Amino acid sequence: MEQVFPGQVETRLDTLDWVPTHADLNWSNLLAPNCTIIDWEDFGLAPRGLDAATLWITSLGDPELAERIHRARQADLTSPSGRLMALFHCAKILNDTTAPHDQLYASVQAVAADLAKRQDSAPS
């Protein structure tokens, strides 16, 4: 995260809320039509908002879907840990120099800039 947001993001994890988490909740691990969640091998404790941030950030290429996810998981995504987890996923996308600079990339850049501005604490 420091490569993408140098000196901008507080990354201490010991002050965050940790909760049970799937930890790999992406669209390939959700099955239709009943929204069955598969691939639980990474299940454990993680900062609150990790799963919601994964789905939200990876959906930014589809603004309507991203908005639905953000609205449904707002409590997680607006918490300090949820914002950090969203920035974590943004950094993964923005740090990938092999990724195409498409609609998702542009959307992630915009969201990341906004999230980085709203960090509650100064970087340590």
Protein backbone atom coordinates (compact mmCIF):
# COMPACT_ATOMS: atom_id res chain seq x y z
CA MET A 1 0.00 0.00 0.00
CA GLU A 2 2.92 2.30 0.64
CA GLN A 3 3.92 2.07 -3.05
CA VAL A 4 0.53 3.29 -4.20
CA PHE A 5 -0.25 5.69 -1.33
CA PRO A 6 3.17 6.86 -0.07
CA GLY A 7 2.82 8.41 3.37
CA GLN A 8 -0.96 8.74 2.98
CA VAL A 9 -2.46 5.69 4.65
CA GLU A 10 -2.37 4.46 8.23
CA THR A 11 -1.83 0.70 7.92
CA ARG A 12 -1.71 -0.39 11.56
CA LEU A 13 -3.93 -3.43 11.89
CA ASP A 14 -3.84 -3.80 15.67
CA THR A 15 -6.35 -0.97 16.17
CA LEU A 16 -8.98 -2.42 13.82
CA ASP A 17 -12.01 -4.59 14.48
CA TRP A 18 -11.27 -8.22 13.53
CA VAL A 19 -14.18 -10.48 12.59
CA PRO A 20 -14.75 -13.93 11.04
CA THR A 21 -14.14 -13.55 7.32
CA HIS A 22 -14.28 -15.67 4.17
CA ALA A 23 -11.08 -13.86 3.05
CA ASP A 24 -11.48 -14.76 -0.63
CA LEU A 25 -15.01 -13.55 -1.31
CA ASN A 26 -14.92 -12.74 -4.99
CA TRP A 27 -17.38 -13.32 -7.80
CA SER A 28 -15.85 -16.67 -8.75
CA ASN A 29 -16.65 -17.93 -5.24
CA LEU A 30 -20.34 -16.98 -5.41
CA LEU A 31 -22.69 -19.35 -7.21
CA ALA A 32 -26.09 -18.47 -8.66
CA PRO A 33 -29.01 -18.71 -8.40
CA ASN A 34 -29.04 -19.09 -4.60
CA CYS A 35 -25.88 -17.08 -3.83
CA THR A 36 -23.97 -20.06 -2.47
CA ILE A 37 -20.53 -19.16 -1.14
CA ILE A 38 -17.78 -21.69 -1.90
CA ASP A 39 -14.01 -22.00 -1.30
CA TRP A 40 -13.75 -21.50 2.44
CA GLU A 41 -10.09 -22.52 2.73
CA ASP A 42 -8.97 -18.99 3.74
CA PHE A 43 -11.70 -18.55 6.38
CA GLY A 44 -10.49 -16.90 9.57
CA LEU A 45 -10.24 -13.56 11.33
CA ALA A 46 -9.52 -10.40 9.33
CA PRO A 47 -10.25 -6.70 9.62
CA ARG A 48 -13.95 -5.89 9.37
CA GLY A 49 -14.92 -5.04 5.81
CA LEU A 50 -12.43 -7.26 3.97
CA ASP A 51 -15.09 -9.34 2.20
CA ALA A 52 -17.32 -6.35 1.45
CA ALA A 53 -14.33 -4.39 0.12
CA THR A 54 -13.31 -7.27 -2.14
CA LEU A 55 -16.71 -7.37 -3.81
CA TRP A 56 -17.14 -3.59 -3.94
CA ILE A 57 -13.74 -2.70 -5.38
CA THR A 58 -13.77 -5.49 -7.96
CA SER A 59 -17.24 -4.36 -9.05
CA LEU A 60 -16.34 -0.73 -9.71
CA GLY A 61 -16.28 -1.39 -13.46
CA ASP A 62 -20.07 -1.81 -13.19
CA PRO A 63 -21.18 1.35 -11.32
CA GLU A 64 -24.73 0.15 -10.66
CA LEU A 65 -23.55 -3.12 -9.13
CA ALA A 66 -20.84 -1.36 -7.13
CA GLU A 67 -23.42 1.08 -5.73
CA ARG A 68 -25.71 -1.81 -4.71
CA ILE A 69 -22.86 -3.52 -2.89
CA HIS A 70 -21.75 -0.31 -1.19
CA ARG A 71 -25.30 0.45 -0.07
CA ALA A 72 -25.86 -3.09 1.24
CA ARG A 73 -22.51 -3.26 3.08
CA GLN A 74 -22.23 0.41 4.04
CA ALA A 75 -21.67 -0.25 7.75
CA ASP A 76 -18.62 -2.40 6.99
CA LEU A 77 -17.26 -0.24 4.17
CA THR A 78 -17.50 3.06 6.04
CA SER A 79 -15.83 1.75 9.20
CA PRO A 80 -12.12 2.58 9.62
CA SER A 81 -11.19 -1.05 8.95
CA GLY A 82 -13.53 -1.24 5.95
CA ARG A 83 -11.97 1.87 4.39
CA LEU A 84 -8.50 0.40 4.92
CA MET A 85 -9.56 -2.92 3.38
CA ALA A 86 -10.98 -1.04 0.38
CA LEU A 87 -7.68 0.81 0.01
CA PHE A 88 -5.87 -2.52 0.26
CA HIS A 89 -7.86 -3.85 -2.71
CA CYS A 90 -7.39 -0.60 -4.61
CA ALA A 91 -3.64 -0.86 -4.08
CA LYS A 92 -3.58 -4.41 -5.44
CA ILE A 93 -5.27 -3.26 -8.65
CA LEU A 94 -3.35 0.00 -9.02
CA ASN A 95 -0.03 -1.74 -8.31
CA ASP A 96 -0.54 -4.31 -11.08
CA THR A 97 1.47 -2.87 -13.97
CA THR A 98 0.27 -5.67 -16.27
CA ALA A 99 -3.41 -4.81 -15.77
CA PRO A 100 -5.14 -2.93 -18.54
CA HIS A 101 -6.03 0.65 -17.77
CA ASP A 102 -9.73 0.15 -18.36
CA GLN A 103 -12.94 1.35 -16.74
CA LEU A 104 -12.24 -0.67 -13.58
CA TYR A 105 -8.76 0.83 -13.25
CA ALA A 106 -10.06 4.39 -13.71
CA SER A 107 -12.88 3.81 -11.23
CA VAL A 108 -10.48 2.33 -8.68
CA GLN A 109 -8.18 5.35 -9.05
CA ALA A 110 -11.06 7.71 -8.28
CA VAL A 111 -12.32 5.70 -5.30
CA ALA A 112 -8.81 5.27 -3.93
CA ALA A 113 -8.12 9.00 -4.06
CA ASP A 114 -11.33 9.69 -2.15
CA LEU A 115 -10.68 6.96 0.44
CA ALA A 116 -7.10 8.07 1.02
CA LYS A 117 -8.31 11.62 1.73
CA ARG A 118 -10.78 10.32 4.32
CA GLN A 119 -8.32 8.34 6.45
CA ASP A 120 -9.02 9.16 10.08
CA SER A 121 -5.44 9.22 11.32
CA ALA A 122 -2.13 10.48 10.09
CA PRO A 123 0.30 7.90 8.72
CA SER A 124 2.68 6.41 11.24
